[in-house]
Amino acid sequence: MTLRASVLFAALAASLSACSKDEPEPVPYDGPWAPLEETGDWVDPGSLAECSVPNPYGNCGTLPTFDISTCDLSSLSTLERNGAIYRAELRYETTTGIEPGLGGFEFAADGSLLRVMGLEPSASQVSSDMLLLSSKDTDRFTFIGCKATGPRTLTGCFAWCRDNRLRHRATFRAERMTWREGETESSGLTLVSESHVELGKPADVYVTQGHAYVVSITRGERHGGLTVFDLSDARHPVQTAALELPGDFYWNGVWSKDNALYVASQQAGVLVYDITDPAHPAFVRRATVPGKYGAINVHTVFVEGDRLYAMAPSSVETYIFDISNPLEPQLVSRYALPESRGYPHDAFAYEGRLYINHTYDGFLVVDPRGEEPKLLGKYNYPYSFSHANAVGTFNGRTIAFEGGENLGAHLRVLDVTNPASIAKVGEYKLRNLNSIHNMVLRGSRLYVAHYQEGVRVLDVADPSKPREVAYYNTFRESDPDRTDGMYEGAIGMRVPGDGHIYVIDTSRGLLLFDEQ
């Protein structure tokens, strides 16, 4: 089990003023909007609970590990448990300082403990005045409730133990992942159809030639792959194919050009399918990279014109293929950020520039032309995990909508007209326990797949003031395969211009919406 905080530690070395020797010198911002202060995705809130973890020895993770003498344990009786999934903000106290982290736990329909950090529970105590929630594994994760601050929120302490010794301690604040207070299931969006995906955990969708191509990753015993739906009747999509390749089950991204379909594969790079018969894709080849990267881990793909961009975390490079012959991609160049602490996760090509979400390194603007792509600018922030973006032109300025994927992650509006003077000019925030996955920009509407927050539609005609105009809460705790993890809910999205919004939910599958 890998805790989110363990990967966030690497981001601490980043600072807003740090510049690589290959970066252009920053210049003053010259745009029409007032730049906003950048505080990062997470700001230390101070201790989150009145308990502590004073005992690093003994039977680690049991009641004697914690000091709860000042806690209001009677308040825990008001906490909702039946079928509830909780996400938690963790404030770690380490030998080097304070660090953020994420966790979670969930209860069965009868109120008994079901999972802790996605793991089977062990030696836990759940009663009206005691919540000691402990996992069963080599690494033992234990939450103890200190005070319920409402029927769906609580604070407490956390211990991470290994071999019966304390590794990390933290205070936490947890919140039930029901719909936000005051919200109904939907506003401004109508669900047209819902289609279950049998293959693994669905992750992304591309819509072309009257068909939806859904890629998925392995979930438990269910392998990932490619599922195809005929959309002739949007109210009743019909599955026409479900494809897998032996030993290759982690397919996370998908795009198309003409009769070629490109699938991002963790094991094999880019898979190319012929969709001349759109209902039944035919495997053609793997788009490989010459040299030592014969097989690369490609996480996402993006197509603009005759270029296919493939983002590869394993090699920390973005690969650029010529697809003037769509079924035969040819590698023309690659980009690697010097002295990178992160890796390319997603990218968006627009008007001769490539905008790369480079996780811990932040948001990059690259000139992808020629044999050696060049970095034009970078925007970083504390605790960054830059994840997805969409770019357009507003009032003669080039605007990027950027979203992260970690504790406190939210939508940033960046003026990137001059890449050497990128400025944050707007933002949009919901609960800091949930983050953004994908987004699509159509005119002055920004469509956001927001994990547990479902689908959010923003009016960005004034990009400095994003305004929510519609939403649909796709996340339901009772859905099959739901967990207490971060990557749950609305994850993939397309708005192809056919009048529908296509969304992938990690449990519910392919959802089609209409805007009211």
Protein backbone atom coordinates (compact mmCIF):
# COMPACT_ATOMS: atom_id res chain seq x y z
CA MET A 1 0.00 0.00 0.00
CA THR A 2 1.51 3.33 -1.07
CA LEU A 3 0.35 6.37 0.86
CA ARG A 4 -0.23 9.54 -1.15
CA ALA A 5 2.03 11.42 1.23
CA SER A 6 5.00 9.25 0.31
CA VAL A 7 4.96 10.59 -3.24
CA LEU A 8 4.26 14.13 -2.12
CA PHE A 9 7.51 14.21 -0.13
CA ALA A 10 9.41 14.53 -3.40
CA ALA A 11 7.56 17.73 -4.24
CA LEU A 12 8.86 19.66 -1.28
CA ALA A 13 12.07 20.55 -3.05
CA ALA A 14 10.07 22.56 -5.58
CA SER A 15 9.67 26.30 -5.17
CA LEU A 16 8.05 29.00 -7.22
CA SER A 17 11.34 30.73 -7.85
CA ALA A 18 13.41 27.67 -8.74
CA CYS A 19 14.49 27.62 -12.38
CA SER A 20 16.39 25.06 -14.42
CA LYS A 21 19.35 26.29 -16.40
CA ASP A 22 17.36 25.52 -19.56
CA GLU A 23 14.36 27.62 -18.62
CA PRO A 24 13.84 31.10 -20.11
CA GLU A 25 14.24 34.01 -17.73
CA PRO A 26 10.85 35.11 -16.36
CA VAL A 27 9.51 38.52 -17.31
CA PRO A 28 6.76 40.67 -15.71
CA TYR A 29 3.17 39.69 -16.46
CA ASP A 30 1.58 42.02 -19.02
CA GLY A 31 -1.99 40.72 -19.19
CA PRO A 32 -5.33 42.42 -18.41
CA TRP A 33 -6.18 40.42 -15.27
CA ALA A 34 -4.82 40.84 -11.77
CA PRO A 35 -2.53 37.91 -10.95
CA LEU A 36 -3.65 35.90 -7.94
CA GLU A 37 -1.46 34.85 -5.06
CA GLU A 38 -0.19 31.29 -5.39
CA THR A 39 -0.20 29.34 -2.12
CA GLY A 40 -0.04 25.86 -3.63
CA ASP A 41 -2.39 22.93 -3.39
CA TRP A 42 -1.97 22.50 0.36
CA VAL A 43 -1.42 24.98 3.17
CA ASP A 44 -0.56 23.66 6.64
CA PRO A 45 -3.75 24.06 8.73
CA GLY A 46 -2.02 23.26 12.02
CA SER A 47 -2.89 20.24 14.12
CA LEU A 48 -6.19 18.75 12.98
CA ALA A 49 -7.18 17.04 16.25
CA GLU A 50 -6.69 17.19 20.02
CA CYS A 51 -5.31 13.65 20.29
CA SER A 52 -1.69 12.54 19.78
CA VAL A 53 0.43 9.46 19.02
CA PRO A 54 3.02 9.47 21.83
CA ASN A 55 3.87 5.75 21.96
CA PRO A 56 6.09 4.45 19.13
CA TYR A 57 6.65 1.06 20.79
CA GLY A 58 4.61 -1.92 21.92
CA ASN A 59 1.64 -3.23 19.96
CA CYS A 60 1.66 -0.47 17.38
CA GLY A 61 -1.74 0.63 16.12
CA THR A 62 -3.69 -0.51 19.16
CA LEU A 63 -5.42 1.75 21.66
CA PRO A 64 -2.30 2.32 23.90
CA THR A 65 -0.54 3.86 20.87
CA PHE A 66 -2.77 6.94 21.15
CA ASP A 67 -3.50 9.61 23.73
CA ILE A 68 -7.20 10.42 23.46
CA SER A 69 -7.62 11.79 26.98
CA THR A 70 -8.78 15.20 25.73
CA CYS A 71 -11.10 13.88 23.00
CA ASP A 72 -14.87 14.19 22.89
CA LEU A 73 -15.56 10.50 22.33
CA SER A 74 -19.28 10.81 23.08
CA SER A 75 -19.66 12.95 19.94
CA LEU A 76 -18.73 9.94 17.79
CA SER A 77 -22.18 8.47 18.38
CA THR A 78 -23.61 11.08 16.00
CA LEU A 79 -21.39 10.01 13.11
CA GLU A 80 -23.03 8.39 10.07
CA ARG A 81 -21.59 4.94 9.41
CA ASN A 82 -24.05 2.75 7.49
CA GLY A 83 -22.61 2.33 4.00
CA ALA A 84 -20.44 5.43 4.41
CA ILE A 85 -17.14 6.10 2.62
CA TYR A 86 -14.82 8.65 4.25
CA ARG A 87 -11.83 10.45 2.76
CA ALA A 88 -9.23 11.93 5.10
CA GLU A 89 -6.71 14.76 5.03
CA LEU A 90 -3.61 13.66 6.93
CA ARG A 91 -1.15 16.07 8.54
CA TYR A 92 2.03 14.08 9.10
CA GLU A 93 4.54 15.04 11.77
CA THR A 94 7.93 13.86 10.52
CA THR A 95 11.50 14.36 11.68
CA THR A 96 11.98 16.87 8.86
CA GLY A 97 8.74 18.82 9.27
CA ILE A 98 5.05 18.73 8.43
CA GLU A 99 3.81 16.83 5.36
CA PRO A 100 0.34 16.35 3.80
CA GLY A 101 -1.22 13.03 2.95
CA LEU A 102 -4.49 11.36 1.97
CA GLY A 103 -6.29 8.33 3.33
CA GLY A 104 -9.69 6.81 3.80
CA PHE A 105 -11.92 4.18 5.34
CA GLU A 106 -15.35 2.75 4.63
CA PHE A 107 -18.19 1.05 6.43
CA ALA A 108 -20.55 -1.72 5.34
CA ALA A 109 -24.30 -1.20 5.07
CA ASP A 110 -24.74 -2.45 8.65
CA GLY A 111 -22.22 0.08 10.01
CA SER A 112 -19.38 -2.38 10.54
CA LEU A 113 -15.90 -1.52 9.31
CA LEU A 114 -15.31 -2.70 5.74
CA ARG A 115 -11.89 -1.33 4.67
CA VAL A 116 -9.09 0.91 5.89
CA MET A 117 -6.93 2.50 3.19
CA GLY A 118 -8.51 -0.01 0.80
CA LEU A 119 -7.35 -2.95 2.95
CA GLU A 120 -9.13 -5.58 5.01
CA PRO A 121 -9.64 -4.44 8.63
CA SER A 122 -8.08 -6.07 11.68
CA ALA A 123 -8.36 -5.66 15.48
CA SER A 124 -10.67 -2.66 15.16
CA GLN A 125 -13.16 -1.26 17.67
CA VAL A 126 -16.35 0.36 16.42
CA SER A 127 -18.95 1.48 18.94
CA SER A 128 -20.96 4.55 19.91
CA ASP A 129 -17.96 6.09 21.69
CA MET A 130 -14.98 4.42 20.00
CA LEU A 131 -13.70 4.39 16.43
CA LEU A 132 -10.40 2.51 16.23
CA LEU A 133 -10.05 1.59 12.56
CA SER A 134 -7.05 -0.56 11.70
CA SER A 135 -5.97 -2.38 8.53
CA LYS A 136 -4.61 -5.90 8.14
CA ASP A 137 -1.34 -5.96 6.22
CA THR A 138 2.45 -5.75 6.58
CA ASP A 139 1.94 -2.02 6.81
CA ARG A 140 -0.75 -1.38 9.37
CA PHE A 141 -2.75 1.84 9.04
CA THR A 142 -4.83 2.91 12.03
CA PHE A 143 -7.28 5.79 12.45
CA ILE A 144 -8.73 6.67 15.83
CA GLY A 145 -11.62 9.11 16.10
CA CYS A 146 -11.29 12.01 18.51
CA LYS A 147 -14.31 14.21 17.79
CA ALA A 148 -17.25 14.25 15.39
CA THR A 149 -17.61 17.80 14.08
CA GLY A 150 -20.91 16.94 12.38
CA PRO A 151 -22.79 13.81 11.30
CA ARG A 152 -20.44 13.43 8.30
CA THR A 153 -17.15 14.86 9.55
CA LEU A 154 -14.65 13.96 12.24
CA THR A 155 -11.11 14.55 13.43
CA GLY A 156 -8.63 12.17 15.01
CA CYS A 157 -5.16 10.64 14.95
CA PHE A 158 -3.42 8.23 12.61
CA ALA A 159 -0.55 5.75 12.99
CA TRP A 160 1.34 3.98 10.21
CA CYS A 161 3.08 0.91 11.64
CA ARG A 162 5.43 -1.67 10.17
CA ASP A 163 6.75 -4.74 12.03
CA ASN A 164 4.98 -3.43 15.13
CA ARG A 165 6.95 -0.18 15.09
CA LEU A 166 5.64 3.30 14.35
CA ARG A 167 6.80 4.68 10.99
CA HIS A 168 4.66 7.82 10.75
CA ARG A 169 2.13 9.68 12.89
CA ALA A 170 -0.47 12.24 11.90
CA THR A 171 -3.65 14.03 12.85
CA PHE A 172 -6.53 13.86 10.39
CA ARG A 173 -9.79 15.43 9.28
CA ALA A 174 -12.23 13.12 7.48
CA GLU A 175 -15.41 13.76 5.53
CA ARG A 176 -18.07 11.44 4.14
CA MET A 177 -18.09 11.32 0.35
CA THR A 178 -21.78 12.05 -0.10
CA TRP A 179 -22.93 14.85 -2.37
CA ARG A 180 -21.96 18.31 -1.27
CA GLU A 181 -24.26 19.96 1.24
CA GLY A 182 -27.29 21.51 -0.43
CA GLU A 183 -26.83 19.65 -3.73
CA THR A 184 -29.25 17.23 -5.35
CA GLU A 185 -28.23 14.54 -7.83
CA SER A 186 -28.12 16.99 -10.73
CA SER A 187 -28.65 20.52 -11.96
CA GLY A 188 -28.63 21.47 -15.63
CA LEU A 189 -27.66 17.98 -16.87
CA THR A 190 -29.91 15.06 -17.78
CA LEU A 191 -28.68 11.45 -17.76
CA VAL A 192 -29.58 9.90 -21.12
CA SER A 193 -28.11 6.41 -20.72
CA GLU A 194 -25.77 4.33 -18.57
CA SER A 195 -23.75 1.37 -19.89
CA HIS A 196 -21.79 -1.01 -17.66
CA VAL A 197 -18.21 -1.87 -18.66
CA GLU A 198 -17.23 -5.47 -17.89
CA LEU A 199 -13.51 -5.10 -18.55
CA GLY A 200 -11.58 -3.94 -15.47
CA LYS A 201 -11.95 -0.37 -14.20
CA PRO A 202 -13.00 2.06 -16.97
CA ALA A 203 -10.67 5.06 -17.31
CA ASP A 204 -11.23 6.99 -20.54
CA VAL A 205 -13.40 7.26 -23.65
CA TYR A 206 -13.11 8.57 -27.20
CA VAL A 207 -16.13 9.10 -29.47
CA THR A 208 -15.90 8.92 -33.25
CA GLN A 209 -17.80 7.40 -36.19
CA GLY A 210 -20.90 6.90 -34.07
CA HIS A 211 -19.12 4.70 -31.56
CA ALA A 212 -17.68 5.12 -28.06
CA TYR A 213 -14.31 3.49 -27.38
CA VAL A 214 -13.80 2.88 -23.66
CA VAL A 215 -10.42 1.83 -22.28
CA SER A 216 -10.00 0.29 -18.85
CA ILE A 217 -7.31 -0.90 -16.45
CA THR A 218 -7.10 -4.09 -14.42
CA ARG A 219 -9.28 -4.22 -11.31
CA GLY A 220 -8.77 -7.31 -9.14
CA GLU A 221 -9.29 -10.40 -11.28
CA ARG A 222 -10.86 -8.44 -14.11
CA HIS A 223 -8.39 -7.49 -16.84
CA GLY A 224 -8.49 -4.12 -18.55
CA GLY A 225 -8.95 -3.65 -22.27
CA LEU A 226 -11.07 -1.90 -24.92
CA THR A 227 -14.89 -1.91 -25.00
CA VAL A 228 -16.83 -0.55 -27.98
CA PHE A 229 -20.40 0.78 -27.92
CA ASP A 230 -22.60 1.58 -30.93
CA LEU A 231 -24.27 4.95 -30.27
CA SER A 232 -26.90 4.84 -33.00
CA ASP A 233 -29.50 5.11 -30.27
CA ALA A 234 -27.99 7.29 -27.55
CA ARG A 235 -30.63 6.12 -25.09
CA HIS A 236 -29.64 2.50 -25.63
CA PRO A 237 -25.94 2.10 -26.55
CA VAL A 238 -25.11 -1.41 -27.75
CA GLN A 239 -21.81 -3.10 -26.94
CA THR A 240 -20.21 -4.46 -30.11
CA ALA A 241 -16.76 -5.56 -28.93
CA ALA A 242 -14.62 -6.19 -25.85
CA LEU A 243 -10.94 -6.63 -26.64
CA GLU A 244 -7.87 -7.66 -24.64
CA LEU A 245 -4.25 -8.46 -25.45
CA PRO A 246 -2.35 -11.17 -23.55
CA GLY A 247 -0.20 -9.72 -20.76
CA ASP A 248 -1.28 -6.16 -21.58
CA PHE A 249 -4.11 -5.07 -19.31
CA TYR A 250 -3.52 -1.45 -18.30
CA TRP A 251 -5.07 0.79 -20.96
CA ASN A 252 -5.53 4.30 -19.58
CA GLY A 253 -5.97 6.70 -22.54
CA VAL A 254 -7.48 6.67 -26.03
CA TRP A 255 -7.67 8.96 -29.09
CA SER A 256 -8.37 8.68 -32.80
CA LYS A 257 -7.56 10.07 -36.21
CA ASP A 258 -9.53 9.00 -39.28
CA ASN A 259 -9.65 5.18 -39.21
CA ALA A 260 -6.89 4.79 -36.63
CA LEU A 261 -7.51 4.38 -32.91
CA TYR A 262 -4.61 4.94 -30.49
CA VAL A 263 -4.60 3.31 -27.05
CA ALA A 264 -2.16 4.24 -24.26
CA SER A 265 -0.75 1.01 -22.84
CA GLN A 266 1.34 0.65 -19.69
CA GLN A 267 3.07 -2.44 -21.07
CA ALA A 268 3.45 -1.69 -24.77
CA GLY A 269 3.43 2.05 -25.43
CA VAL A 270 0.85 3.02 -28.06
CA LEU A 271 -1.42 0.37 -29.54
CA VAL A 272 -2.81 1.09 -33.01
CA TYR A 273 -6.19 -0.29 -34.07
CA ASP A 274 -7.91 -0.02 -37.46
CA ILE A 275 -11.53 1.13 -37.04
CA THR A 276 -12.52 1.01 -40.71
CA ASP A 277 -15.24 -1.22 -39.29
CA PRO A 278 -15.94 1.01 -36.26
CA ALA A 279 -17.86 -1.67 -34.36
CA HIS A 280 -15.00 -4.15 -34.50
CA PRO A 281 -11.49 -2.62 -34.17
CA ALA A 282 -8.66 -4.67 -35.65
CA PHE A 283 -5.24 -4.62 -33.99
CA VAL A 284 -2.54 -3.32 -36.35
CA ARG A 285 0.69 -2.67 -34.46
CA ARG A 286 2.48 -1.21 -31.46
CA ALA A 287 4.02 2.22 -32.06
CA THR A 288 7.43 1.60 -30.51
CA VAL A 289 10.39 3.88 -29.89
CA PRO A 290 13.80 2.99 -31.41
CA GLY A 291 16.67 2.35 -29.03
CA LYS A 292 16.44 1.24 -25.42
CA TYR A 293 12.74 2.01 -25.16
CA GLY A 294 11.41 -0.86 -27.25
CA ALA A 295 8.35 -1.01 -25.00
CA ILE A 296 7.38 2.08 -23.06
CA ASN A 297 4.72 2.84 -20.46
CA VAL A 298 2.42 5.34 -22.12
CA HIS A 299 -0.19 6.79 -19.77
CA THR A 300 -2.07 9.22 -22.02
CA VAL A 301 -2.24 10.22 -25.70
CA PHE A 302 -3.30 13.38 -27.53
CA VAL A 303 -3.79 14.03 -31.26
CA GLU A 304 -3.63 17.35 -33.07
CA GLY A 305 -3.44 17.42 -36.85
CA ASP A 306 -0.70 15.07 -38.04
CA ARG A 307 0.91 14.70 -34.62
CA LEU A 308 0.34 12.11 -31.93
CA TYR A 309 1.73 12.94 -28.49
CA ALA A 310 2.35 10.08 -26.08
CA MET A 311 3.21 10.76 -22.43
CA ALA A 312 5.48 8.10 -20.90
CA PRO A 313 6.02 8.15 -17.10
CA SER A 314 8.54 5.29 -17.11
CA SER A 315 11.03 7.03 -19.39
CA VAL A 316 9.98 10.55 -18.23
CA GLU A 317 9.56 11.63 -21.85
CA THR A 318 6.86 12.88 -24.19
CA TYR A 319 7.04 11.18 -27.58
CA ILE A 320 5.94 12.92 -30.77
CA PHE A 321 4.80 10.78 -33.70
CA ASP A 322 3.99 11.76 -37.27
CA ILE A 323 0.60 10.29 -38.16
CA SER A 324 0.12 11.67 -41.65
CA ASN A 325 -0.39 7.97 -42.36
CA PRO A 326 -2.64 7.34 -39.34
CA LEU A 327 -2.14 3.59 -39.13
CA GLU A 328 1.66 3.88 -39.25
CA PRO A 329 2.90 6.34 -36.59
CA GLN A 330 6.51 7.38 -37.05
CA LEU A 331 8.54 8.83 -34.18
CA VAL A 332 9.90 12.28 -35.08
CA SER A 333 11.11 13.64 -31.72
CA ARG A 334 10.84 13.39 -27.96
CA TYR A 335 10.91 15.84 -25.09
CA ALA A 336 12.41 15.31 -21.63
CA LEU A 337 12.48 18.05 -18.99
CA PRO A 338 16.04 18.50 -17.68
CA GLU A 339 16.49 17.72 -13.99
CA SER A 340 12.93 16.49 -13.73
CA ARG A 341 11.48 15.47 -10.37
CA GLY A 342 8.23 14.27 -11.94
CA TYR A 343 7.01 12.86 -15.24
CA PRO A 344 4.63 13.78 -18.07
CA HIS A 345 1.08 12.79 -17.25
CA ASP A 346 -1.08 14.57 -19.82
CA ALA A 347 -0.70 17.17 -22.57
CA PHE A 348 -2.69 19.50 -24.80
CA ALA A 349 -1.50 20.83 -28.17
CA TYR A 350 -2.72 24.24 -29.30
CA GLU A 351 -1.54 26.70 -31.95
CA GLY A 352 2.00 25.39 -32.27
CA ARG A 353 2.65 24.82 -28.57
CA LEU A 354 2.46 21.76 -26.36
CA TYR A 355 1.20 22.19 -22.81
CA ILE A 356 2.42 19.34 -20.60
CA ASN A 357 1.23 18.45 -17.11
CA HIS A 358 4.52 17.29 -15.59
CA THR A 359 3.25 16.25 -12.13
CA TYR A 360 5.73 17.44 -9.43
CA ASP A 361 7.50 19.74 -11.91
CA GLY A 362 4.31 21.65 -12.57
CA PHE A 363 2.88 22.88 -15.86
CA LEU A 364 5.16 23.21 -18.90
CA VAL A 365 4.85 25.14 -22.17
CA VAL A 366 6.95 23.54 -24.93
CA ASP A 367 7.62 24.32 -28.58
CA PRO A 368 7.30 20.80 -30.06
CA ARG A 369 8.54 21.67 -33.54
CA GLY A 370 11.81 20.42 -34.95
CA GLU A 371 14.03 17.57 -33.84
CA GLU A 372 14.64 19.08 -30.40
CA PRO A 373 11.53 20.49 -28.69
CA LYS A 374 12.25 23.53 -26.55
CA LEU A 375 10.92 24.57 -23.15
CA LEU A 376 9.29 28.02 -23.36
CA GLY A 377 8.04 28.40 -19.81
CA LYS A 378 6.98 26.64 -16.63
CA TYR A 379 4.49 27.24 -13.84
CA ASN A 380 5.02 25.42 -10.58
CA TYR A 381 3.48 25.70 -7.12
CA PRO A 382 4.00 24.11 -3.71
CA TYR A 383 2.86 20.47 -3.48
CA SER A 384 2.15 20.40 -7.19
CA PHE A 385 0.95 17.32 -9.06
CA SER A 386 -0.06 18.88 -12.36
CA HIS A 387 -2.38 16.40 -14.04
CA ALA A 388 -4.57 17.70 -16.91
CA ASN A 389 -5.24 20.85 -18.93
CA ALA A 390 -7.20 22.48 -21.73
CA VAL A 391 -6.20 25.63 -23.64
CA GLY A 392 -8.11 28.26 -25.60
CA THR A 393 -8.16 31.94 -26.62
CA PHE A 394 -10.12 34.53 -24.63
CA ASN A 395 -10.04 38.25 -25.34
CA GLY A 396 -6.97 37.77 -27.50
CA ARG A 397 -5.08 35.99 -24.70
CA THR A 398 -4.07 32.33 -24.54
CA ILE A 399 -5.59 30.78 -21.44
CA ALA A 400 -4.81 27.38 -19.93
CA PHE A 401 -7.13 25.63 -17.50
CA GLU A 402 -4.94 23.42 -15.35
CA GLY A 403 -5.96 20.80 -12.80
CA GLY A 404 -3.96 18.86 -10.25
CA GLU A 405 -4.50 15.48 -8.65
CA ASN A 406 -3.75 15.44 -4.93
CA LEU A 407 -4.84 16.87 -1.60
CA GLY A 408 -6.13 20.39 -2.15
CA ALA A 409 -5.87 20.14 -5.95
CA HIS A 410 -8.22 22.40 -7.86
CA LEU A 411 -8.68 24.23 -11.16
CA ARG A 412 -6.21 27.01 -11.95
CA VAL A 413 -6.75 29.52 -14.74
CA LEU A 414 -3.37 30.50 -16.20
CA ASP A 415 -2.61 33.27 -18.68
CA VAL A 416 0.04 31.59 -20.85
CA THR A 417 0.11 34.16 -23.67
CA ASN A 418 3.75 34.80 -22.86
CA PRO A 419 5.15 31.49 -21.55
CA ALA A 420 7.98 33.30 -19.77
CA SER A 421 5.45 35.24 -17.66
CA ILE A 422 2.70 32.76 -16.78
CA ALA A 423 0.27 34.15 -14.20
CA LYS A 424 -2.62 32.59 -12.30
CA VAL A 425 -5.65 34.80 -12.97
CA GLY A 426 -8.53 32.64 -11.73
CA GLU A 427 -9.41 29.44 -9.89
CA TYR A 428 -12.28 27.13 -8.98
CA LYS A 429 -12.32 25.02 -5.82
CA LEU A 430 -14.59 22.40 -4.33
CA ARG A 431 -13.75 20.09 -1.40
CA ASN A 432 -9.99 19.75 -0.97
CA LEU A 433 -10.28 15.99 -0.41
CA ASN A 434 -11.30 15.45 -4.06
CA SER A 435 -9.35 16.35 -7.16
CA ILE A 436 -9.81 16.80 -10.89
CA HIS A 437 -9.07 14.12 -13.47
CA ASN A 438 -9.91 15.33 -16.99
CA MET A 439 -11.43 18.41 -18.61
CA VAL A 440 -12.73 19.47 -22.02
CA LEU A 441 -13.03 23.07 -23.29
CA ARG A 442 -15.76 23.87 -25.81
CA GLY A 443 -16.12 27.58 -26.58
CA SER A 444 -16.75 29.29 -23.28
CA ARG A 445 -17.78 26.08 -21.47
CA LEU A 446 -15.35 23.97 -19.49
CA TYR A 447 -16.47 20.42 -18.72
CA VAL A 448 -14.70 18.78 -15.79
CA ALA A 449 -14.55 15.14 -14.70
CA HIS A 450 -14.07 15.73 -10.98
CA TYR A 451 -13.86 12.25 -9.41
CA GLN A 452 -16.17 12.11 -6.33
CA GLU A 453 -17.58 15.54 -7.26
CA GLY A 454 -18.96 14.07 -10.50
CA VAL A 455 -19.36 16.20 -13.63
CA ARG A 456 -18.99 19.98 -13.34
CA VAL A 457 -19.77 22.45 -16.13
CA LEU A 458 -18.24 25.92 -15.87
CA ASP A 459 -18.94 29.12 -17.78
CA VAL A 460 -15.49 30.55 -18.45
CA ALA A 461 -16.44 33.43 -20.77
CA ASP A 462 -14.61 35.54 -18.20
CA PRO A 463 -11.74 33.11 -17.49
CA SER A 464 -10.74 35.01 -14.38
CA LYS A 465 -14.11 34.13 -12.83
CA PRO A 466 -15.14 30.54 -13.60
CA ARG A 467 -18.83 30.10 -12.81
CA GLU A 468 -20.47 26.70 -12.29
CA VAL A 469 -23.65 26.41 -14.40
CA ALA A 470 -24.43 22.68 -14.22
CA TYR A 471 -23.41 19.49 -12.46
CA TYR A 472 -24.22 15.80 -12.07
CA ASN A 473 -23.20 13.80 -9.01
CA THR A 474 -22.17 10.47 -10.55
CA PHE A 475 -20.57 9.15 -7.34
CA ARG A 476 -22.76 6.93 -5.16
CA GLU A 477 -21.33 5.06 -2.19
CA SER A 478 -23.55 2.04 -2.90
CA ASP A 479 -22.22 1.48 -6.44
CA PRO A 480 -20.29 -1.79 -6.97
CA ASP A 481 -16.50 -1.70 -6.50
CA ARG A 482 -16.47 1.70 -4.76
CA THR A 483 -13.47 2.17 -2.47
CA ASP A 484 -12.10 4.78 -0.07
CA GLY A 485 -9.37 5.71 -2.58
CA MET A 486 -8.80 8.95 -4.46
CA TYR A 487 -9.42 7.61 -7.97
CA GLU A 488 -13.19 7.08 -7.72
CA GLY A 489 -16.07 8.67 -9.62
CA ALA A 490 -16.05 10.71 -12.83
CA ILE A 491 -12.69 10.10 -14.51
CA GLY A 492 -12.90 10.33 -18.33
CA MET A 493 -14.80 12.76 -20.56
CA ARG A 494 -15.51 13.75 -24.17
CA VAL A 495 -17.72 16.45 -25.64
CA PRO A 496 -17.50 15.73 -29.38
CA GLY A 497 -20.13 18.21 -30.53
CA ASP A 498 -22.94 15.74 -31.26
CA GLY A 499 -25.17 17.17 -28.53
CA HIS A 500 -24.09 14.77 -25.79
CA ILE A 501 -21.53 14.73 -22.98
CA TYR A 502 -19.79 11.37 -22.60
CA VAL A 503 -18.42 10.55 -19.16
CA ILE A 504 -16.64 7.55 -17.72
CA ASP A 505 -17.38 6.75 -14.08
CA THR A 506 -15.04 4.22 -12.47
CA SER A 507 -17.95 2.11 -11.22
CA ARG A 508 -20.95 2.96 -13.38
CA GLY A 509 -19.20 2.82 -16.76
CA LEU A 510 -20.21 4.94 -19.77
CA LEU A 511 -22.69 7.73 -18.97
CA LEU A 512 -24.31 9.99 -21.59
CA PHE A 513 -25.67 13.39 -20.59
CA ASP A 514 -27.58 16.20 -22.25
CA GLU A 515 -27.37 19.82 -21.14
CA GLN A 516 -30.70 21.36 -20.24
